[in-house]
C-alpha atoms as a PDB file:
ATOM      1  CA  MET A   1      -1.043  19.091 -13.865  1.00  0.00           C
ATOM      2  CA  GLU A   2       0.787  21.731 -15.909  1.00  0.00           C
ATOM      3  CA  GLN A   3       4.432  20.855 -16.481  1.00  0.00           C
ATOM      4  CA  ASP A   4       5.610  24.438 -15.962  1.00  0.00           C
ATOM      5  CA  ARG A   5       4.081  24.461 -12.484  1.00  0.00           C
ATOM      6  CA  ILE A   6       5.635  21.075 -11.694  1.00  0.00           C
ATOM      7  CA  ALA A   7       9.039  22.427 -12.727  1.00  0.00           C
ATOM      8  CA  GLU A   8       8.560  25.501 -10.535  1.00  0.00           C
ATOM      9  CA  ILE A   9       7.693  23.430  -7.455  1.00  0.00           C
ATOM     10  CA  LEU A  10      10.594  21.015  -8.023  1.00  0.00           C
ATOM     11  CA  GLN A  11      13.209  23.726  -8.535  1.00  0.00           C
ATOM     12  CA  PRO A  12      14.276  23.993  -4.836  1.00  0.00           C
ATOM     13  CA  PHE A  13      14.824  20.228  -4.703  1.00  0.00           C
ATOM     14  CA  LEU A  14      16.889  19.977  -7.889  1.00  0.00           C
ATOM     15  CA  ALA A  15      18.950  23.123  -7.332  1.00  0.00           C
ATOM     16  CA  ALA A  16      19.695  22.684  -3.623  1.00  0.00           C
ATOM     17  CA  LYS A  17      23.168  23.757  -2.519  1.00  0.00           C
ATOM     18  CA  SER A  18      23.574  20.471  -0.624  1.00  0.00           C
ATOM     19  CA  LEU A  19      23.559  18.520  -3.892  1.00  0.00           C
ATOM     20  CA  PRO A  20      26.877  17.573  -5.500  1.00  0.00           C
ATOM     21  CA  VAL A  21      25.683  19.165  -8.755  1.00  0.00           C
ATOM     22  CA  GLN A  22      22.543  21.123  -9.530  1.00  0.00           C
ATOM     23  CA  THR A  23      20.450  19.349 -12.121  1.00  0.00           C
ATOM     24  CA  ALA A  24      17.547  19.864 -14.521  1.00  0.00           C
ATOM     25  CA  LEU A  25      14.934  17.501 -15.915  1.00  0.00           C
ATOM     26  CA  SER A  26      14.004  17.072 -19.565  1.00  0.00           C
ATOM     27  CA  ALA A  27      10.599  17.750 -21.079  1.00  0.00           C
ATOM     28  CA  GLU A  28      10.059  13.986 -21.321  1.00  0.00           C
ATOM     29  CA  GLN A  29      10.786  13.547 -17.626  1.00  0.00           C
ATOM     30  CA  PHE A  30       8.300  16.284 -16.733  1.00  0.00           C
ATOM     31  CA  ARG A  31       5.683  14.582 -18.931  1.00  0.00           C
ATOM     32  CA  SER A  32       6.267  11.334 -17.066  1.00  0.00           C
ATOM     33  CA  ILE A  33       5.806  13.094 -13.724  1.00  0.00           C
ATOM     34  CA  SER A  34       2.612  14.773 -14.946  1.00  0.00           C
ATOM     35  CA  THR A  35       1.181  11.437 -16.114  1.00  0.00           C
ATOM     36  CA  TYR A  36       2.182   9.805 -12.842  1.00  0.00           C
ATOM     37  CA  ILE A  37       0.398  12.527 -10.826  1.00  0.00           C
ATOM     38  CA  ASP A  38      -2.793  12.144 -12.880  1.00  0.00           C
ATOM     39  CA  MET A  39      -2.790   8.381 -12.301  1.00  0.00           C
ATOM     40  CA  LEU A  40      -2.070   8.798  -8.591  1.00  0.00           C
ATOM     41  CA  LEU A  41      -5.024  11.169  -8.171  1.00  0.00           C
ATOM     42  CA  ARG A  42      -7.395   8.839 -10.046  1.00  0.00           C
ATOM     43  CA  TRP A  43      -6.355   5.717  -8.145  1.00  0.00           C
ATOM     44  CA  ASN A  44      -6.298   7.567  -4.833  1.00  0.00           C
ATOM     45  CA  ALA A  45     -10.024   8.184  -5.195  1.00  0.00           C
ATOM     46  CA  ARG A  46     -10.548   4.398  -5.035  1.00  0.00           C
ATOM     47  CA  ILE A  47      -7.763   3.089  -2.817  1.00  0.00           C
ATOM     48  CA  ASN A  48      -5.700   4.839  -0.169  1.00  0.00           C
ATOM     49  CA  LEU A  49      -2.357   5.361  -1.860  1.00  0.00           C
ATOM     50  CA  THR A  50      -1.414   8.577  -0.056  1.00  0.00           C
ATOM     51  CA  ALA A  51      -2.908  10.869   2.569  1.00  0.00           C
ATOM     52  CA  VAL A  52      -1.612  13.839   0.564  1.00  0.00           C
ATOM     53  CA  ARG A  53      -4.466  14.870  -1.748  1.00  0.00           C
ATOM     54  CA  ASP A  54      -3.465  18.289  -3.060  1.00  0.00           C
ATOM     55  CA  PRO A  55      -1.623  17.977  -6.418  1.00  0.00           C
ATOM     56  CA  GLU A  56       0.947  20.650  -5.580  1.00  0.00           C
ATOM     57  CA  ALA A  57       1.629  19.040  -2.203  1.00  0.00           C
ATOM     58  CA  ILE A  58       2.071  15.690  -3.977  1.00  0.00           C
ATOM     59  CA  VAL A  59       4.696  17.259  -6.230  1.00  0.00           C
ATOM     60  CA  SER A  60       6.548  18.825  -3.312  1.00  0.00           C
ATOM     61  CA  ARG A  61       6.240  16.094  -0.701  1.00  0.00           C
ATOM     62  CA  HIS A  62       6.503  12.964  -2.828  1.00  0.00           C
ATOM     63  CA  PHE A  63       8.297  13.900  -6.046  1.00  0.00           C
ATOM     64  CA  GLY A  64      10.439  16.681  -4.587  1.00  0.00           C
ATOM     65  CA  GLU A  65      11.848  14.545  -1.789  1.00  0.00           C
ATOM     66  CA  SER A  66      12.369  11.531  -4.051  1.00  0.00           C
ATOM     67  CA  LEU A  67      14.073  13.499  -6.812  1.00  0.00           C
ATOM     68  CA  PHE A  68      16.292  15.229  -4.255  1.00  0.00           C
ATOM     69  CA  LEU A  69      17.405  11.771  -3.148  1.00  0.00           C
ATOM     70  CA  ALA A  70      17.982  10.768  -6.773  1.00  0.00           C
ATOM     71  CA  ALA A  71      20.081  13.846  -7.487  1.00  0.00           C
ATOM     72  CA  TYR A  72      22.069  13.308  -4.284  1.00  0.00           C
ATOM     73  CA  LEU A  73      22.772   9.645  -5.052  1.00  0.00           C
ATOM     74  CA  PHE A  74      23.376   9.773  -8.790  1.00  0.00           C
ATOM     75  CA  GLY A  75      23.922  13.355  -9.977  1.00  0.00           C
ATOM     76  CA  PRO A  76      25.112  13.309 -13.599  1.00  0.00           C
ATOM     77  CA  ASP A  77      27.159  10.108 -13.036  1.00  0.00           C
ATOM     78  CA  ALA A  78      26.128   7.796 -15.882  1.00  0.00           C
ATOM     79  CA  GLU A  79      27.837   4.802 -14.271  1.00  0.00           C
ATOM     80  CA  ALA A  80      25.944   5.294 -10.999  1.00  0.00           C
ATOM     81  CA  GLN A  81      22.684   5.534 -12.919  1.00  0.00           C
ATOM     82  CA  ARG A  82      23.192   1.990 -14.243  1.00  0.00           C
ATOM     83  CA  GLN A  83      23.101   0.470 -10.746  1.00  0.00           C
ATOM     84  CA  HIS A  84      20.420  -1.836  -9.344  1.00  0.00           C
ATOM     85  CA  ALA A  85      18.239  -0.264  -6.655  1.00  0.00           C
ATOM     86  CA  LEU A  86      15.667  -2.018  -4.484  1.00  0.00           C
ATOM     87  CA  ASP A  87      12.958   0.166  -2.938  1.00  0.00           C
ATOM     88  CA  LEU A  88      11.593  -1.456   0.218  1.00  0.00           C
ATOM     89  CA  GLY A  89       7.958  -0.685   1.089  1.00  0.00           C
ATOM     90  CA  SER A  90       7.307   1.299  -2.093  1.00  0.00           C
ATOM     91  CA  GLY A  91       3.681   2.228  -1.373  1.00  0.00           C
ATOM     92  CA  ALA A  92       2.613   4.558  -4.164  1.00  0.00           C
ATOM     93  CA  GLY A  93       6.091   4.313  -5.687  1.00  0.00           C
ATOM     94  CA  PHE A  94       8.206   6.742  -3.666  1.00  0.00           C
ATOM     95  CA  PRO A  95      11.106   7.133  -3.841  1.00  0.00           C
ATOM     96  CA  GLY A  96      11.618   4.237  -6.273  1.00  0.00           C
ATOM     97  CA  LEU A  97       9.792   5.363  -9.410  1.00  0.00           C
ATOM     98  CA  PRO A  98      11.076   8.965  -9.297  1.00  0.00           C
ATOM     99  CA  LEU A  99      14.594   7.490  -9.032  1.00  0.00           C
ATOM    100  CA  LYS A 100      13.889   5.649 -12.285  1.00  0.00           C
ATOM    101  CA  ILE A 101      12.450   8.752 -13.927  1.00  0.00           C
ATOM    102  CA  TYR A 102      15.579  10.678 -12.915  1.00  0.00           C
ATOM    103  CA  ALA A 103      18.005   7.892 -13.909  1.00  0.00           C
ATOM    104  CA  PRO A 104      16.453   5.947 -16.840  1.00  0.00           C
ATOM    105  CA  GLU A 105      19.349   3.445 -16.933  1.00  0.00           C
ATOM    106  CA  LEU A 106      18.719   2.381 -13.346  1.00  0.00           C
ATOM    107  CA  ARG A 107      17.580  -1.205 -12.739  1.00  0.00           C
ATOM    108  CA  LEU A 108      14.792  -1.035 -10.188  1.00  0.00           C
ATOM    109  CA  THR A 109      12.987  -3.517  -7.957  1.00  0.00           C
ATOM    110  CA  LEU A 110       9.926  -2.288  -6.049  1.00  0.00           C
ATOM    111  CA  VAL A 111       8.790  -4.286  -3.012  1.00  0.00           C
ATOM    112  CA  GLU A 112       5.228  -3.648  -1.819  1.00  0.00           C
ATOM    113  CA  SER A 113       3.200  -6.042   0.324  1.00  0.00           C
ATOM    114  CA  ASN A 114      -0.209  -4.445  -0.428  1.00  0.00           C
ATOM    115  CA  ARG A 115      -1.549  -6.087  -3.592  1.00  0.00           C
ATOM    116  CA  LYS A 116      -3.668  -3.102  -4.659  1.00  0.00           C
ATOM    117  CA  LYS A 117      -0.711  -0.750  -4.311  1.00  0.00           C
ATOM    118  CA  ALA A 118       1.473  -3.234  -6.192  1.00  0.00           C
ATOM    119  CA  ALA A 119      -1.135  -3.282  -8.979  1.00  0.00           C
ATOM    120  CA  PHE A 120      -0.993   0.518  -9.141  1.00  0.00           C
ATOM    121  CA  LEU A 121       2.802   0.395  -9.448  1.00  0.00           C
ATOM    122  CA  GLY A 122       2.471  -2.004 -12.370  1.00  0.00           C
ATOM    123  CA  GLU A 123       0.030   0.337 -14.120  1.00  0.00           C
ATOM    124  CA  VAL A 124       2.362   3.322 -13.717  1.00  0.00           C
ATOM    125  CA  ILE A 125       5.300   1.318 -15.061  1.00  0.00           C
ATOM    126  CA  ARG A 126       3.269   0.383 -18.151  1.00  0.00           C
ATOM    127  CA  ALA A 127       1.895   3.897 -18.671  1.00  0.00           C
ATOM    128  CA  LEU A 128       5.365   5.463 -18.481  1.00  0.00           C
ATOM    129  CA  HIS A 129       6.940   2.701 -20.640  1.00  0.00           C
ATOM    130  CA  LEU A 130       9.616   2.052 -18.031  1.00  0.00           C
ATOM    131  CA  SER A 131      12.015  -0.827 -18.670  1.00  0.00           C
ATOM    132  CA  ASP A 132      14.077  -2.883 -16.211  1.00  0.00           C
ATOM    133  CA  VAL A 133      11.563  -2.338 -13.405  1.00  0.00           C
ATOM    134  CA  LYS A 134      10.200  -5.256 -11.368  1.00  0.00           C
ATOM    135  CA  VAL A 135       7.405  -5.229  -8.768  1.00  0.00           C
ATOM    136  CA  ILE A 136       7.464  -7.821  -5.982  1.00  0.00           C
ATOM    137  CA  SER A 137       4.138  -8.084  -4.174  1.00  0.00           C
ATOM    138  CA  GLY A 138       4.810  -9.510  -0.735  1.00  0.00           C
ATOM    139  CA  ARG A 139       7.049  -9.200   2.294  1.00  0.00           C
ATOM    140  CA  VAL A 140      10.660 -10.071   1.551  1.00  0.00           C
ATOM    141  CA  GLU A 141      11.449 -10.507   5.241  1.00  0.00           C
ATOM    142  CA  ALA A 142       9.364 -13.688   5.258  1.00  0.00           C
ATOM    143  CA  SER A 143      11.826 -15.198   2.748  1.00  0.00           C
ATOM    144  CA  LEU A 144      15.078 -14.009   4.295  1.00  0.00           C
ATOM    145  CA  ASN A 145      17.315 -16.552   5.939  1.00  0.00           C
ATOM    146  CA  GLU A 146      20.481 -15.134   7.441  1.00  0.00           C
ATOM    147  CA  GLY A 147      21.725 -18.338   8.975  1.00  0.00           C
ATOM    148  CA  GLY A 148      24.367 -20.747   7.708  1.00  0.00           C
ATOM    149  CA  SER A 149      26.251 -19.396   4.716  1.00  0.00           C
ATOM    150  CA  GLY A 150      24.377 -16.093   4.747  1.00  0.00           C
ATOM    151  CA  PRO A 151      21.001 -14.708   3.734  1.00  0.00           C
ATOM    152  CA  GLU A 152      19.024 -16.249   0.929  1.00  0.00           C
ATOM    153  CA  MET A 153      16.945 -13.881  -1.153  1.00  0.00           C
ATOM    154  CA  PRO A 154      13.422 -14.455  -2.454  1.00  0.00           C
ATOM    155  CA  VAL A 155      13.263 -15.910  -5.959  1.00  0.00           C
ATOM    156  CA  GLY A 156      13.749 -13.199  -8.567  1.00  0.00           C
ATOM    157  CA  VAL A 157      15.656 -10.745  -6.370  1.00  0.00           C
ATOM    158  CA  ASP A 158      19.156 -10.066  -7.685  1.00  0.00           C
ATOM    159  CA  PRO A 159      21.949  -8.499  -5.611  1.00  0.00           C
ATOM    160  CA  MET A 160      21.465  -4.743  -5.479  1.00  0.00           C
ATOM    161  CA  ASP A 161      23.868  -1.799  -5.255  1.00  0.00           C
ATOM    162  CA  ILE A 162      21.515   0.247  -3.106  1.00  0.00           C
ATOM    163  CA  VAL A 163      18.435  -0.257  -0.940  1.00  0.00           C
ATOM    164  CA  THR A 164      16.092   2.701  -0.469  1.00  0.00           C
ATOM    165  CA  MET A 165      13.412   3.212   2.141  1.00  0.00           C
ATOM    166  CA  ARG A 166      11.083   6.089   2.949  1.00  0.00           C
ATOM    167  CA  ALA A 167       8.752   6.715   5.884  1.00  0.00           C
ATOM    168  CA  VAL A 168       7.844   3.071   6.425  1.00  0.00           C
ATOM    169  CA  GLU A 169       5.810   1.715   9.316  1.00  0.00           C
ATOM    170  CA  ARG A 170       7.616  -0.323  11.980  1.00  0.00           C
ATOM    171  CA  PHE A 171      10.878   1.499  11.309  1.00  0.00           C
ATOM    172  CA  GLU A 172      13.171  -0.735  13.364  1.00  0.00           C
ATOM    173  CA  SER A 173      12.047  -4.024  11.797  1.00  0.00           C
ATOM    174  CA  ALA A 174      12.041  -2.501   8.293  1.00  0.00           C
ATOM    175  CA  LEU A 175      15.550  -1.146   8.848  1.00  0.00           C
ATOM    176  CA  ALA A 176      16.714  -4.603   9.956  1.00  0.00           C
ATOM    177  CA  THR A 177      15.276  -6.124   6.769  1.00  0.00           C
ATOM    178  CA  ALA A 178      16.950  -3.464   4.633  1.00  0.00           C
ATOM    179  CA  ALA A 179      20.262  -4.175   6.371  1.00  0.00           C
ATOM    180  CA  VAL A 180      20.026  -7.891   5.549  1.00  0.00           C
ATOM    181  CA  LEU A 181      19.460  -7.019   1.887  1.00  0.00           C
ATOM    182  CA  VAL A 182      22.481  -4.692   1.871  1.00  0.00           C
ATOM    183  CA  ARG A 183      24.730  -7.246   3.562  1.00  0.00           C
ATOM    184  CA  TYR A 184      23.564  -9.961   1.169  1.00  0.00           C
ATOM    185  CA  SER A 185      24.414  -7.797  -1.822  1.00  0.00           C
ATOM    186  CA  ALA A 186      27.710  -6.569  -0.396  1.00  0.00           C
ATOM    187  CA  ALA A 187      28.839 -10.187  -0.010  1.00  0.00           C
ATOM    188  CA  ARG A 188      28.356 -10.633  -3.758  1.00  0.00           C
ATOM    189  CA  LEU A 189      29.135  -7.185  -5.176  1.00  0.00           C
ATOM    190  CA  GLY A 190      31.797  -6.061  -2.706  1.00  0.00           C
ATOM    191  CA  ALA A 191      29.855  -3.140  -1.264  1.00  0.00           C
ATOM    192  CA  GLY A 192      26.303  -2.075  -0.526  1.00  0.00           C
ATOM    193  CA  LYS A 193      24.479   1.115   0.312  1.00  0.00           C
ATOM    194  CA  LEU A 194      21.345   1.992   2.289  1.00  0.00           C
ATOM    195  CA  ALA A 195      19.627   5.310   1.504  1.00  0.00           C
ATOM    196  CA  LEU A 196      16.856   6.504   3.815  1.00  0.00           C
ATOM    197  CA  LEU A 197      14.331   9.348   3.485  1.00  0.00           C
ATOM    198  CA  ILE A 198      13.246   9.665   7.102  1.00  0.00           C
ATOM    199  CA  GLY A 199      12.583  12.028   9.986  1.00  0.00           C
ATOM    200  CA  LEU A 200      15.453  13.477  11.989  1.00  0.00           C
ATOM    201  CA  SER A 201      14.590  11.457  15.102  1.00  0.00           C
ATOM    202  CA  GLN A 202      14.763   8.215  13.089  1.00  0.00           C
ATOM    203  CA  ALA A 203      18.044   9.358  11.527  1.00  0.00           C
ATOM    204  CA  GLN A 204      19.484   9.773  15.011  1.00  0.00           C
ATOM    205  CA  ARG A 205      18.489   6.196  15.922  1.00  0.00           C
ATOM    206  CA  ALA A 206      19.692   4.448  12.767  1.00  0.00           C
ATOM    207  CA  PRO A 207      23.461   4.454  13.558  1.00  0.00           C
ATOM    208  CA  ASN A 208      22.748   2.850  16.948  1.00  0.00           C
ATOM    209  CA  LEU A 209      20.515   0.227  15.361  1.00  0.00           C
ATOM    210  CA  LEU A 210      23.080  -0.587  12.654  1.00  0.00           C
ATOM    211  CA  PRO A 211      26.514   0.244  14.140  1.00  0.00           C
ATOM    212  CA  GLU A 212      28.283  -1.957  11.578  1.00  0.00           C
ATOM    213  CA  PHE A 213      27.375   0.513   8.804  1.00  0.00           C
ATOM    214  CA  CYS A 214      29.386   3.634   7.991  1.00  0.00           C
ATOM    215  CA  TRP A 215      26.909   6.530   8.148  1.00  0.00           C
ATOM    216  CA  GLU A 216      27.175   9.874   6.410  1.00  0.00           C
ATOM    217  CA  SER A 217      25.917  13.030   8.082  1.00  0.00           C
ATOM    218  CA  PRO A 218      22.166  13.558   7.575  1.00  0.00           C
ATOM    219  CA  ILE A 219      21.338  15.896   4.673  1.00  0.00           C
ATOM    220  CA  PRO A 220      18.267  18.109   5.255  1.00  0.00           C
ATOM    221  CA  VAL A 221      15.570  17.805   2.593  1.00  0.00           C
ATOM    222  CA  PRO A 222      14.649  21.205   1.074  1.00  0.00           C
ATOM    223  CA  GLU A 223      11.287  22.675   2.111  1.00  0.00           C
ATOM    224  CA  SER A 224      11.149  20.419   5.181  1.00  0.00           C
ATOM    225  CA  ARG A 225      11.932  21.006   8.844  1.00  0.00           C
ATOM    226  CA  GLU A 226      12.354  17.364   9.858  1.00  0.00           C
ATOM    227  CA  ARG A 227      13.023  15.206   6.795  1.00  0.00           C
ATOM    228  CA  VAL A 228      16.577  14.160   5.950  1.00  0.00           C
ATOM    229  CA  VAL A 229      18.502  11.904   3.614  1.00  0.00           C
ATOM    230  CA  LEU A 230      20.664   9.434   5.510  1.00  0.00           C
ATOM    231  CA  VAL A 231      23.090   7.141   3.682  1.00  0.00           C
ATOM    232  CA  GLY A 232      24.869   4.177   5.230  1.00  0.00           C
ATOM    233  CA  ARG A 233      27.538   2.050   3.556  1.00  0.00           C
ATOM    234  CA  TYR A 234      28.486  -1.554   4.196  1.00  0.00           C
ATOM    235  CA  PRO A 235      31.074  -2.775   4.844  1.00  0.00           C
ATOM    236  CA  VAL A 236      32.865   0.119   6.517  1.00  0.00           C
END
């Protein structure tokens, strides 16, 4: 897909007034997005990575939303961009891989239980020459143990500064798993953050499901009537 057209579609997401600072991507970042889209379209013909098939809709729905989240979380803050993020239920890589494209210094762990989707994530990471990115193929909730002295993480999962999640199935159980990961990390790093790309109805339920988190007001996603960014911090 032409990089100029990608830039045009992404403009409302990167220049939104709700962002702390309006931002712009480099030519290299646009090349990475273009390569990513080409790979997604090829793989999607063989395995079901996304129900969105139109390239321009992929840019808007998947990359636009994810990059809006990245710009909201990190902005131009170089220190924030060196954090460790864990993306729970990555699917085709959203929002995790666009976060990495936006913030190259970010350490990233992608968790995806579907082996074919996890294989796709590995191919994208190699094609884009991304460093400090790990793919965990499996369900982390099966390895969590929150009894005794606190949760124990699966082997290879380091404490993370932020857990991200977007449009996952079984929202309540996935949110509970994400909360365990945040609490585990906060016990070791002093603080943790949960960033959700979800529908407004889910955003209204999240504070009741996790009342021990301090929740920001939902931030509407540009070009969407229902999607919002919701950030919760732990401990309060």
